[in-house]
């Protein structure tokens, strides 16, 4: 599964408006950056209490990227 697809699947499962989920994969010097954008009313669901949900998504992204021999970073845009 592509890193972009992993984050899209996770985010769509968490939010009330899955059609508003947008995920972009950008290449950088330090690996790739996954940008996640959701509806304004769903941003809290993606971040979670004390950022726990966002941190869990980052852990899964890092594990999947490491398995592919890559580095990845998740940015949640508002």
N, C-alpha and C. Protein backbone atom coordinates (compact mmCIF):
# COMPACT_ATOMS: atom_id res chain seq x y z
N UNK A 1 0.85 -1.18 0.00
CA UNK A 1 0.00 0.00 0.00
C UNK A 1 0.90 1.24 0.00
N UNK A 2 0.59 2.18 -0.86
CA UNK A 2 1.36 3.42 -0.92
C UNK A 2 1.13 4.23 0.35
N UNK A 3 2.13 5.01 0.72
CA UNK A 3 2.05 5.81 1.94
C UNK A 3 0.87 6.76 1.90
N UNK A 4 0.65 7.37 0.75
CA UNK A 4 -0.47 8.29 0.57
C UNK A 4 -1.80 7.57 0.81
N UNK A 5 -1.93 6.38 0.28
CA UNK A 5 -3.16 5.60 0.44
C UNK A 5 -3.38 5.18 1.89
N UNK A 6 -2.30 4.88 2.60
CA UNK A 6 -2.40 4.50 4.00
C UNK A 6 -3.01 5.63 4.82
N UNK A 7 -2.48 6.83 4.65
CA UNK A 7 -2.98 7.98 5.41
C UNK A 7 -4.40 8.32 4.98
N UNK A 8 -4.71 8.23 3.70
CA UNK A 8 -6.08 8.52 3.24
C UNK A 8 -7.07 7.54 3.86
N UNK A 9 -6.74 6.27 3.89
CA UNK A 9 -7.63 5.26 4.46
C UNK A 9 -7.86 5.50 5.95
N UNK A 10 -6.80 5.81 6.68
CA UNK A 10 -6.92 6.09 8.11
C UNK A 10 -7.79 7.33 8.35
N UNK A 11 -7.51 8.39 7.63
CA UNK A 11 -8.25 9.64 7.82
C UNK A 11 -9.72 9.49 7.47
N UNK A 12 -10.01 8.80 6.37
CA UNK A 12 -11.40 8.61 5.95
C UNK A 12 -12.20 7.82 6.99
N UNK A 13 -11.53 6.92 7.70
CA UNK A 13 -12.20 6.13 8.73
C UNK A 13 -12.48 6.96 9.98
N UNK A 14 -11.72 8.01 10.19
CA UNK A 14 -11.84 8.81 11.42
C UNK A 14 -12.85 9.95 11.31
N UNK A 15 -13.03 10.51 10.13
CA UNK A 15 -13.80 11.75 9.98
C UNK A 15 -15.27 11.50 9.65
N UNK A 16 -16.08 12.54 9.84
CA UNK A 16 -17.50 12.46 9.49
C UNK A 16 -17.74 12.70 8.00
N UNK A 17 -16.82 13.44 7.35
CA UNK A 17 -16.97 13.78 5.93
C UNK A 17 -15.78 13.22 5.14
N UNK A 18 -15.79 11.92 4.82
CA UNK A 18 -14.64 11.31 4.14
C UNK A 18 -14.40 11.86 2.74
N UNK A 19 -15.42 12.46 2.12
CA UNK A 19 -15.24 13.02 0.79
C UNK A 19 -14.35 14.27 0.81
N UNK A 20 -14.22 14.90 1.96
CA UNK A 20 -13.41 16.12 2.08
C UNK A 20 -11.93 15.82 2.36
N UNK A 21 -11.58 14.56 2.53
CA UNK A 21 -10.19 14.20 2.82
C UNK A 21 -9.36 14.34 1.55
N UNK A 22 -8.28 15.11 1.67
CA UNK A 22 -7.33 15.29 0.57
C UNK A 22 -5.94 14.95 1.07
N UNK A 23 -5.24 14.11 0.31
CA UNK A 23 -3.89 13.70 0.69
C UNK A 23 -2.97 13.92 -0.50
N UNK A 24 -1.85 14.59 -0.23
CA UNK A 24 -0.86 14.83 -1.27
C UNK A 24 0.49 14.31 -0.80
N UNK A 25 1.23 13.71 -1.71
CA UNK A 25 2.57 13.22 -1.38
C UNK A 25 3.59 14.07 -2.13
N UNK A 26 4.47 14.71 -1.38
CA UNK A 26 5.49 15.58 -1.95
C UNK A 26 6.86 15.02 -1.63
N UNK A 27 7.75 15.06 -2.59
CA UNK A 27 9.12 14.61 -2.36
C UNK A 27 9.95 15.78 -1.84
N UNK A 28 10.81 15.49 -0.87
CA UNK A 28 11.71 16.51 -0.33
C UNK A 28 13.10 15.91 -0.22
N UNK A 29 14.05 16.74 0.17
CA UNK A 29 15.43 16.25 0.32
C UNK A 29 15.54 15.22 1.44
N UNK A 30 14.64 15.32 2.40
CA UNK A 30 14.69 14.45 3.58
C UNK A 30 13.74 13.25 3.46
N UNK A 31 13.24 12.94 2.28
CA UNK A 31 12.28 11.85 2.09
C UNK A 31 11.02 12.39 1.47
N UNK A 32 9.87 11.95 1.96
CA UNK A 32 8.62 12.46 1.42
C UNK A 32 7.78 13.07 2.53
N UNK A 33 6.96 14.02 2.12
CA UNK A 33 6.04 14.70 3.05
C UNK A 33 4.63 14.36 2.60
N UNK A 34 3.83 13.85 3.51
CA UNK A 34 2.43 13.57 3.24
C UNK A 34 1.63 14.71 3.86
N UNK A 35 0.89 15.43 3.02
CA UNK A 35 0.05 16.52 3.50
C UNK A 35 -1.39 16.04 3.56
N UNK A 36 -2.01 16.19 4.72
CA UNK A 36 -3.39 15.75 4.94
C UNK A 36 -4.26 16.96 5.20
N UNK A 37 -5.34 17.06 4.46
CA UNK A 37 -6.30 18.14 4.66
C UNK A 37 -7.68 17.52 4.81
N UNK A 38 -8.41 17.94 5.86
CA UNK A 38 -9.75 17.45 6.11
C UNK A 38 -10.68 18.66 6.30
N UNK A 39 -11.98 18.39 6.37
CA UNK A 39 -12.96 19.45 6.62
C UNK A 39 -12.65 20.10 7.97
N UNK A 40 -12.89 21.42 8.09
CA UNK A 40 -12.59 22.13 9.34
C UNK A 40 -13.24 21.50 10.58
N UNK A 41 -14.44 20.97 10.43
CA UNK A 41 -15.11 20.38 11.59
C UNK A 41 -14.54 19.02 11.98
N UNK A 42 -13.70 18.44 11.13
CA UNK A 42 -13.10 17.13 11.39
C UNK A 42 -11.65 17.20 11.87
N UNK A 43 -11.07 18.38 11.92
CA UNK A 43 -9.66 18.49 12.26
C UNK A 43 -9.37 17.95 13.66
N UNK A 44 -10.29 18.16 14.58
CA UNK A 44 -10.11 17.64 15.93
C UNK A 44 -10.10 16.13 16.00
N UNK A 45 -10.88 15.50 15.14
CA UNK A 45 -10.93 14.03 15.12
C UNK A 45 -9.61 13.45 14.61
N UNK A 46 -8.98 14.15 13.67
CA UNK A 46 -7.72 13.67 13.10
C UNK A 46 -6.56 13.92 14.06
N UNK A 47 -6.62 15.02 14.80
CA UNK A 47 -5.55 15.32 15.75
C UNK A 47 -5.72 14.51 17.03
N UNK A 48 -6.94 14.44 17.53
CA UNK A 48 -7.22 13.67 18.73
C UNK A 48 -6.82 14.39 20.01
N UNK A 49 -7.20 13.82 21.13
CA UNK A 49 -6.90 14.42 22.44
C UNK A 49 -5.40 14.42 22.66
N UNK A 50 -4.87 15.60 22.95
CA UNK A 50 -3.43 15.79 23.15
C UNK A 50 -2.60 15.33 21.96
N UNK A 51 -3.19 15.28 20.78
CA UNK A 51 -2.45 14.91 19.57
C UNK A 51 -2.18 13.42 19.44
N UNK A 52 -2.87 12.61 20.23
CA UNK A 52 -2.60 11.17 20.23
C UNK A 52 -2.94 10.49 18.91
N UNK A 53 -4.05 10.87 18.30
CA UNK A 53 -4.44 10.25 17.03
C UNK A 53 -3.43 10.61 15.95
N UNK A 54 -3.06 11.89 15.89
CA UNK A 54 -2.07 12.33 14.90
C UNK A 54 -0.74 11.62 15.12
N UNK A 55 -0.33 11.48 16.37
CA UNK A 55 0.92 10.79 16.67
C UNK A 55 0.86 9.32 16.24
N UNK A 56 -0.27 8.69 16.45
CA UNK A 56 -0.43 7.29 16.04
C UNK A 56 -0.34 7.16 14.52
N UNK A 57 -0.96 8.09 13.81
CA UNK A 57 -0.87 8.07 12.35
C UNK A 57 0.58 8.26 11.90
N UNK A 58 1.31 9.12 12.59
CA UNK A 58 2.72 9.35 12.25
C UNK A 58 3.56 8.09 12.50
N UNK A 59 3.27 7.38 13.58
CA UNK A 59 3.99 6.14 13.89
C UNK A 59 3.75 5.11 12.79
N UNK A 60 2.50 4.95 12.38
CA UNK A 60 2.18 4.00 11.31
C UNK A 60 2.84 4.41 10.00
N UNK A 61 2.82 5.70 9.69
CA UNK A 61 3.46 6.19 8.47
C UNK A 61 4.97 5.93 8.50
N UNK A 62 5.59 6.19 9.62
CA UNK A 62 7.03 5.94 9.75
C UNK A 62 7.36 4.46 9.58
N UNK A 63 6.54 3.61 10.18
CA UNK A 63 6.78 2.16 10.05
C UNK A 63 6.63 1.70 8.60
N UNK A 64 5.59 2.18 7.92
CA UNK A 64 5.38 1.79 6.52
C UNK A 64 6.50 2.33 5.63
N UNK A 65 6.94 3.55 5.88
CA UNK A 65 8.01 4.14 5.08
C UNK A 65 9.33 3.40 5.31
N UNK A 66 9.61 3.06 6.56
CA UNK A 66 10.83 2.33 6.89
C UNK A 66 10.85 0.97 6.20
N UNK A 67 9.70 0.34 6.13
CA UNK A 67 9.60 -0.95 5.45
C UNK A 67 9.98 -0.83 3.98
N UNK A 68 9.68 0.34 3.38
CA UNK A 68 10.03 0.60 1.99
C UNK A 68 11.42 1.20 1.84
N UNK A 69 12.12 1.39 2.96
CA UNK A 69 13.46 1.99 2.90
C UNK A 69 13.42 3.48 2.65
N UNK A 70 12.36 4.14 3.10
CA UNK A 70 12.19 5.57 2.88
C UNK A 70 11.97 6.28 4.21
N UNK A 71 11.96 7.59 4.16
CA UNK A 71 11.59 8.42 5.31
C UNK A 71 10.35 9.20 4.93
N UNK A 72 9.47 9.43 5.89
CA UNK A 72 8.24 10.15 5.61
C UNK A 72 7.85 11.00 6.81
N UNK A 73 7.15 12.09 6.52
CA UNK A 73 6.67 13.02 7.54
C UNK A 73 5.23 13.37 7.22
N UNK A 74 4.39 13.44 8.23
CA UNK A 74 2.97 13.79 8.05
C UNK A 74 2.73 15.22 8.50
N UNK A 75 2.17 16.03 7.61
CA UNK A 75 1.73 17.39 7.94
C UNK A 75 0.22 17.41 7.85
N UNK A 76 -0.44 17.86 8.92
CA UNK A 76 -1.89 18.01 8.92
C UNK A 76 -2.19 19.49 8.71
N UNK A 77 -2.80 19.80 7.59
CA UNK A 77 -3.08 21.19 7.23
C UNK A 77 -4.47 21.59 7.69
N UNK A 78 -4.63 22.85 8.05
CA UNK A 78 -5.96 23.34 8.42
C UNK A 78 -6.47 24.35 7.43
